[in-house]
C-alpha atoms as a PDB file:
ATOM      1  CA  MET A   1     -11.353 -12.076  -7.051  1.00  0.00           C
ATOM      2  CA  ASP A   2     -11.428 -14.699  -4.340  1.00  0.00           C
ATOM      3  CA  LEU A   3      -8.737 -17.168  -5.382  1.00  0.00           C
ATOM      4  CA  ARG A   4      -9.838 -19.784  -2.870  1.00  0.00           C
ATOM      5  CA  ARG A   5     -13.310 -19.831  -4.417  1.00  0.00           C
ATOM      6  CA  ALA A   6     -11.737 -20.081  -7.870  1.00  0.00           C
ATOM      7  CA  ALA A   7      -9.570 -22.985  -6.678  1.00  0.00           C
ATOM      8  CA  VAL A   8     -12.586 -24.928  -5.396  1.00  0.00           C
ATOM      9  CA  GLY A   9     -14.465 -24.298  -8.647  1.00  0.00           C
ATOM     10  CA  LEU A  10     -11.493 -25.481 -10.687  1.00  0.00           C
ATOM     11  CA  GLN A  11     -11.132 -28.642  -8.610  1.00  0.00           C
ATOM     12  CA  ARG A  12     -14.820 -29.451  -9.061  1.00  0.00           C
ATOM     13  CA  ALA A  13     -14.689 -28.812 -12.808  1.00  0.00           C
ATOM     14  CA  ALA A  14     -11.557 -30.953 -13.232  1.00  0.00           C
ATOM     15  CA  GLU A  15     -13.040 -33.765 -11.168  1.00  0.00           C
ATOM     16  CA  GLN A  16     -16.215 -33.760 -13.273  1.00  0.00           C
ATOM     17  CA  LYS A  17     -14.355 -33.618 -16.586  1.00  0.00           C
ATOM     18  CA  PHE A  18     -11.318 -35.822 -15.870  1.00  0.00           C
ATOM     19  CA  GLY A  19     -12.170 -37.716 -12.672  1.00  0.00           C
ATOM     20  CA  THR A  20      -9.173 -36.212 -10.910  1.00  0.00           C
ATOM     21  CA  LYS A  21      -8.524 -33.240  -8.670  1.00  0.00           C
ATOM     22  CA  PRO A  22      -5.539 -31.006  -9.320  1.00  0.00           C
ATOM     23  CA  LYS A  23      -3.550 -29.996  -6.263  1.00  0.00           C
ATOM     24  CA  ILE A  24      -4.103 -26.310  -5.626  1.00  0.00           C
ATOM     25  CA  LYS A  25      -1.993 -24.371  -3.190  1.00  0.00           C
ATOM     26  CA  THR A  26      -3.222 -21.020  -1.955  1.00  0.00           C
ATOM     27  CA  GLY A  27      -1.253 -18.831   0.373  1.00  0.00           C
ATOM     28  CA  SER A  28      -0.907 -15.165   0.934  1.00  0.00           C
ATOM     29  CA  PRO A  29      -3.463 -12.905  -0.743  1.00  0.00           C
ATOM     30  CA  GLY A  30      -2.937 -13.052  -4.475  1.00  0.00           C
ATOM     31  CA  ASP A  31      -1.165 -16.413  -4.440  1.00  0.00           C
ATOM     32  CA  MET A  32      -2.490 -19.576  -6.086  1.00  0.00           C
ATOM     33  CA  THR A  33      -0.545 -22.378  -7.745  1.00  0.00           C
ATOM     34  CA  VAL A  34      -2.077 -25.339  -9.583  1.00  0.00           C
ATOM     35  CA  PHE A  35      -0.260 -28.683  -9.877  1.00  0.00           C
ATOM     36  CA  VAL A  36      -1.169 -31.753 -11.927  1.00  0.00           C
ATOM     37  CA  ASN A  37       0.896 -34.912 -11.453  1.00  0.00           C
ATOM     38  CA  GLY A  38       3.488 -32.803  -9.629  1.00  0.00           C
ATOM     39  CA  LYS A  39       3.817 -30.397 -12.559  1.00  0.00           C
ATOM     40  CA  ASN A  40       3.134 -26.695 -11.999  1.00  0.00           C
ATOM     41  CA  ILE A  41       0.614 -25.680 -14.664  1.00  0.00           C
ATOM     42  CA  PHE A  42      -0.403 -22.276 -13.329  1.00  0.00           C
ATOM     43  CA  GLY A  43       0.930 -19.673 -10.921  1.00  0.00           C
ATOM     44  CA  TYR A  44      -1.151 -16.576 -10.248  1.00  0.00           C
ATOM     45  CA  LYS A  45       1.789 -14.465  -9.090  1.00  0.00           C
ATOM     46  CA  LYS A  46       3.796 -15.418 -12.168  1.00  0.00           C
ATOM     47  CA  GLU A  47       0.984 -14.931 -14.720  1.00  0.00           C
ATOM     48  CA  GLY A  48      -0.743 -12.032 -12.983  1.00  0.00           C
ATOM     49  CA  ALA A  49      -4.282 -13.016 -13.939  1.00  0.00           C
ATOM     50  CA  LEU A  50      -6.573 -15.973 -13.632  1.00  0.00           C
ATOM     51  CA  PRO A  51      -7.476 -17.458 -17.027  1.00  0.00           C
ATOM     52  CA  ALA A  52     -10.933 -18.837 -17.727  1.00  0.00           C
ATOM     53  CA  VAL A  53     -11.754 -22.250 -16.274  1.00  0.00           C
ATOM     54  CA  ASP A  54     -11.760 -23.715 -19.814  1.00  0.00           C
ATOM     55  CA  GLU A  55      -8.146 -22.574 -20.298  1.00  0.00           C
ATOM     56  CA  LEU A  56      -7.096 -24.140 -17.005  1.00  0.00           C
ATOM     57  CA  LEU A  57      -8.923 -27.368 -17.879  1.00  0.00           C
ATOM     58  CA  SER A  58      -7.059 -27.411 -21.194  1.00  0.00           C
ATOM     59  CA  ARG A  59      -3.772 -27.103 -19.315  1.00  0.00           C
ATOM     60  CA  ILE A  60      -4.818 -29.914 -16.970  1.00  0.00           C
ATOM     61  CA  ALA A  61      -5.641 -32.143 -19.950  1.00  0.00           C
ATOM     62  CA  SER A  62      -2.242 -31.409 -21.496  1.00  0.00           C
ATOM     63  CA  ALA A  63      -0.390 -32.136 -18.256  1.00  0.00           C
ATOM     64  CA  GLY A  64      -2.298 -35.301 -17.333  1.00  0.00           C
END
């Protein structure tokens, strides 16, 4: 899976739903971290899999 593409899709979905863009840091292959209001809500290396966009949006709603 292309994590950069997933990051852009997540940012677009969050902006449409909440009017805000989460900060998404991508790095080496297989590395993506999502932050909302400075809080880390998802780390690909830590969790090992990318949840569905709805799950990530739920986490964003909880953090924001």
